[in-house]
Amino acid sequence: MLGEGKAVTHQSWVIMPNHVHLLFTPLKPLPQIMKTWKGVSARKIGKGSIWQPNYRDTLIRNSEHFVNAVRYIRRNPRGLREGTFTLWESERAKSVK
């Protein structure tokens, strides 16, 4: 996974046709992480500039907020056909019921 252990510790993410949700612990400054992630992913996808210049970030305040974020990420692709999105979760996120 992009940046795992060097820039971030991944917790949960979902990649959908028109947007993504990422839950991670940053190990470097967030603007640097996002610039690198957007650049590498755009090059791998091979369609030029695909990302909006901005992003929305939210600081996870406590364990309840973490649980709610994991649940939100899980539910976000509801209604999309199987195979049109990719969902990944860490062991910590998988333990959320």
C-alpha atoms as a PDB file:
ATOM      1  CA  MET A   1       0.000   0.000   0.000  1.00  0.00           C
ATOM      2  CA  LEU A   2       1.142   3.444  -0.881  1.00  0.00           C
ATOM      3  CA  GLY A   3       3.199   4.958   1.896  1.00  0.00           C
ATOM      4  CA  GLU A   4       2.427   2.271   4.485  1.00  0.00           C
ATOM      5  CA  GLY A   5       4.923   2.525   7.327  1.00  0.00           C
ATOM      6  CA  LYS A   6       6.807   5.473   5.790  1.00  0.00           C
ATOM      7  CA  ALA A   7       4.176   8.166   5.543  1.00  0.00           C
ATOM      8  CA  VAL A   8       1.005   6.621   7.014  1.00  0.00           C
ATOM      9  CA  THR A   9      -0.456   3.705   8.925  1.00  0.00           C
ATOM     10  CA  HIS A  10      -3.580   2.629   7.040  1.00  0.00           C
ATOM     11  CA  GLN A  11      -6.753   1.855   9.004  1.00  0.00           C
ATOM     12  CA  SER A  12      -9.517   1.683   6.372  1.00  0.00           C
ATOM     13  CA  TRP A  13     -10.225   2.929   2.874  1.00  0.00           C
ATOM     14  CA  VAL A  14     -12.647   2.589   0.015  1.00  0.00           C
ATOM     15  CA  ILE A  15     -11.935   3.463  -3.605  1.00  0.00           C
ATOM     16  CA  MET A  16     -15.030   4.122  -5.714  1.00  0.00           C
ATOM     17  CA  PRO A  17     -15.477   5.238  -9.332  1.00  0.00           C
ATOM     18  CA  ASN A  18     -15.658   8.953  -8.507  1.00  0.00           C
ATOM     19  CA  HIS A  19     -14.063   9.426  -5.060  1.00  0.00           C
ATOM     20  CA  VAL A  20     -12.209   7.795  -2.188  1.00  0.00           C
ATOM     21  CA  HIS A  21     -12.371   7.750   1.600  1.00  0.00           C
ATOM     22  CA  LEU A  22      -9.137   7.165   3.517  1.00  0.00           C
ATOM     23  CA  LEU A  23      -8.686   6.582   7.246  1.00  0.00           C
ATOM     24  CA  PHE A  24      -5.043   6.594   8.269  1.00  0.00           C
ATOM     25  CA  THR A  25      -2.585   7.796  10.861  1.00  0.00           C
ATOM     26  CA  PRO A  26      -0.212  10.305   9.247  1.00  0.00           C
ATOM     27  CA  LEU A  27       3.495   9.896   9.969  1.00  0.00           C
ATOM     28  CA  LYS A  28       4.460  12.960   7.887  1.00  0.00           C
ATOM     29  CA  PRO A  29       2.767  16.319   7.264  1.00  0.00           C
ATOM     30  CA  LEU A  30      -0.660  15.768   5.702  1.00  0.00           C
ATOM     31  CA  PRO A  31      -0.196  18.146   2.723  1.00  0.00           C
ATOM     32  CA  GLN A  32       2.971  16.239   1.754  1.00  0.00           C
ATOM     33  CA  ILE A  33       1.165  12.881   2.052  1.00  0.00           C
ATOM     34  CA  MET A  34      -1.770  14.033  -0.079  1.00  0.00           C
ATOM     35  CA  LYS A  35       0.433  15.576  -2.783  1.00  0.00           C
ATOM     36  CA  THR A  36       2.457  12.362  -3.069  1.00  0.00           C
ATOM     37  CA  TRP A  37      -0.609  10.100  -2.979  1.00  0.00           C
ATOM     38  CA  LYS A  38      -2.454  12.088  -5.638  1.00  0.00           C
ATOM     39  CA  GLY A  39       0.612  12.262  -7.887  1.00  0.00           C
ATOM     40  CA  VAL A  40       1.505   8.564  -7.664  1.00  0.00           C
ATOM     41  CA  SER A  41      -2.086   7.386  -8.071  1.00  0.00           C
ATOM     42  CA  ALA A  42      -2.714   9.660 -11.073  1.00  0.00           C
ATOM     43  CA  ARG A  43       0.433   8.353 -12.786  1.00  0.00           C
ATOM     44  CA  LYS A  44      -0.548   4.717 -12.094  1.00  0.00           C
ATOM     45  CA  ILE A  45      -4.060   5.308 -13.427  1.00  0.00           C
ATOM     46  CA  GLY A  46      -2.491   7.018 -16.444  1.00  0.00           C
ATOM     47  CA  LYS A  47      -5.150   9.602 -17.233  1.00  0.00           C
ATOM     48  CA  GLY A  48      -3.319  12.795 -16.325  1.00  0.00           C
ATOM     49  CA  SER A  49      -4.626  15.119 -13.649  1.00  0.00           C
ATOM     50  CA  ILE A  50      -7.629  13.370 -12.084  1.00  0.00           C
ATOM     51  CA  TRP A  51      -7.798  14.895  -8.591  1.00  0.00           C
ATOM     52  CA  GLN A  52      -9.272  18.144  -7.400  1.00  0.00           C
ATOM     53  CA  PRO A  53      -6.596  20.341  -5.793  1.00  0.00           C
ATOM     54  CA  ASN A  54      -8.281  20.300  -2.392  1.00  0.00           C
ATOM     55  CA  TYR A  55      -9.183  17.542   0.070  1.00  0.00           C
ATOM     56  CA  ARG A  56     -11.222  17.318   3.245  1.00  0.00           C
ATOM     57  CA  ASP A  57      -9.537  16.122   6.404  1.00  0.00           C
ATOM     58  CA  THR A  58     -11.010  15.338   9.791  1.00  0.00           C
ATOM     59  CA  LEU A  59      -9.082  14.637  12.980  1.00  0.00           C
ATOM     60  CA  ILE A  60     -10.368  11.498  14.737  1.00  0.00           C
ATOM     61  CA  ARG A  61     -11.097  12.648  18.282  1.00  0.00           C
ATOM     62  CA  ASN A  62     -11.609   9.389  20.176  1.00  0.00           C
ATOM     63  CA  SER A  63     -12.403   5.676  19.831  1.00  0.00           C
ATOM     64  CA  GLU A  64     -16.120   6.320  19.237  1.00  0.00           C
ATOM     65  CA  HIS A  65     -15.283   8.686  16.383  1.00  0.00           C
ATOM     66  CA  PHE A  66     -12.927   6.026  14.934  1.00  0.00           C
ATOM     67  CA  VAL A  67     -15.730   3.436  15.019  1.00  0.00           C
ATOM     68  CA  ASN A  68     -18.128   5.856  13.298  1.00  0.00           C
ATOM     69  CA  ALA A  69     -15.542   6.643  10.595  1.00  0.00           C
ATOM     70  CA  VAL A  70     -14.968   2.932   9.882  1.00  0.00           C
ATOM     71  CA  ARG A  71     -18.717   2.328   9.640  1.00  0.00           C
ATOM     72  CA  TYR A  72     -19.128   5.324   7.326  1.00  0.00           C
ATOM     73  CA  ILE A  73     -16.396   4.032   5.001  1.00  0.00           C
ATOM     74  CA  ARG A  74     -18.009   0.568   4.930  1.00  0.00           C
ATOM     75  CA  ARG A  75     -21.439   1.980   4.078  1.00  0.00           C
ATOM     76  CA  ASN A  76     -20.292   4.527   1.505  1.00  0.00           C
ATOM     77  CA  PRO A  77     -20.296   2.208  -1.531  1.00  0.00           C
ATOM     78  CA  ARG A  78     -23.817   0.943  -0.712  1.00  0.00           C
ATOM     79  CA  GLY A  79     -25.740   0.708  -3.936  1.00  0.00           C
ATOM     80  CA  LEU A  80     -22.645   0.229  -6.094  1.00  0.00           C
ATOM     81  CA  ARG A  81     -22.242  -3.072  -7.934  1.00  0.00           C
ATOM     82  CA  GLU A  82     -19.689  -5.533  -6.563  1.00  0.00           C
ATOM     83  CA  GLY A  83     -16.420  -5.080  -8.421  1.00  0.00           C
ATOM     84  CA  THR A  84     -16.886  -1.319  -8.918  1.00  0.00           C
ATOM     85  CA  PHE A  85     -15.227  -0.413  -5.613  1.00  0.00           C
ATOM     86  CA  THR A  86     -12.392  -1.674  -3.407  1.00  0.00           C
ATOM     87  CA  LEU A  87     -12.721  -1.750   0.376  1.00  0.00           C
ATOM     88  CA  TRP A  88      -9.756  -2.481   2.660  1.00  0.00           C
ATOM     89  CA  GLU A  89      -9.553  -2.590   6.461  1.00  0.00           C
ATOM     90  CA  SER A  90      -6.775  -3.080   8.997  1.00  0.00           C
ATOM     91  CA  GLU A  91      -7.204  -5.635  11.775  1.00  0.00           C
ATOM     92  CA  ARG A  92      -8.215  -2.762  14.093  1.00  0.00           C
ATOM     93  CA  ALA A  93     -10.930  -1.611  11.664  1.00  0.00           C
ATOM     94  CA  LYS A  94     -12.120  -5.187  11.061  1.00  0.00           C
ATOM     95  CA  SER A  95     -12.817  -5.509  14.785  1.00  0.00           C
ATOM     96  CA  VAL A  96     -15.431  -2.713  14.556  1.00  0.00           C
ATOM     97  CA  LYS A  97     -18.942  -4.164  14.590  1.00  0.00           C
END
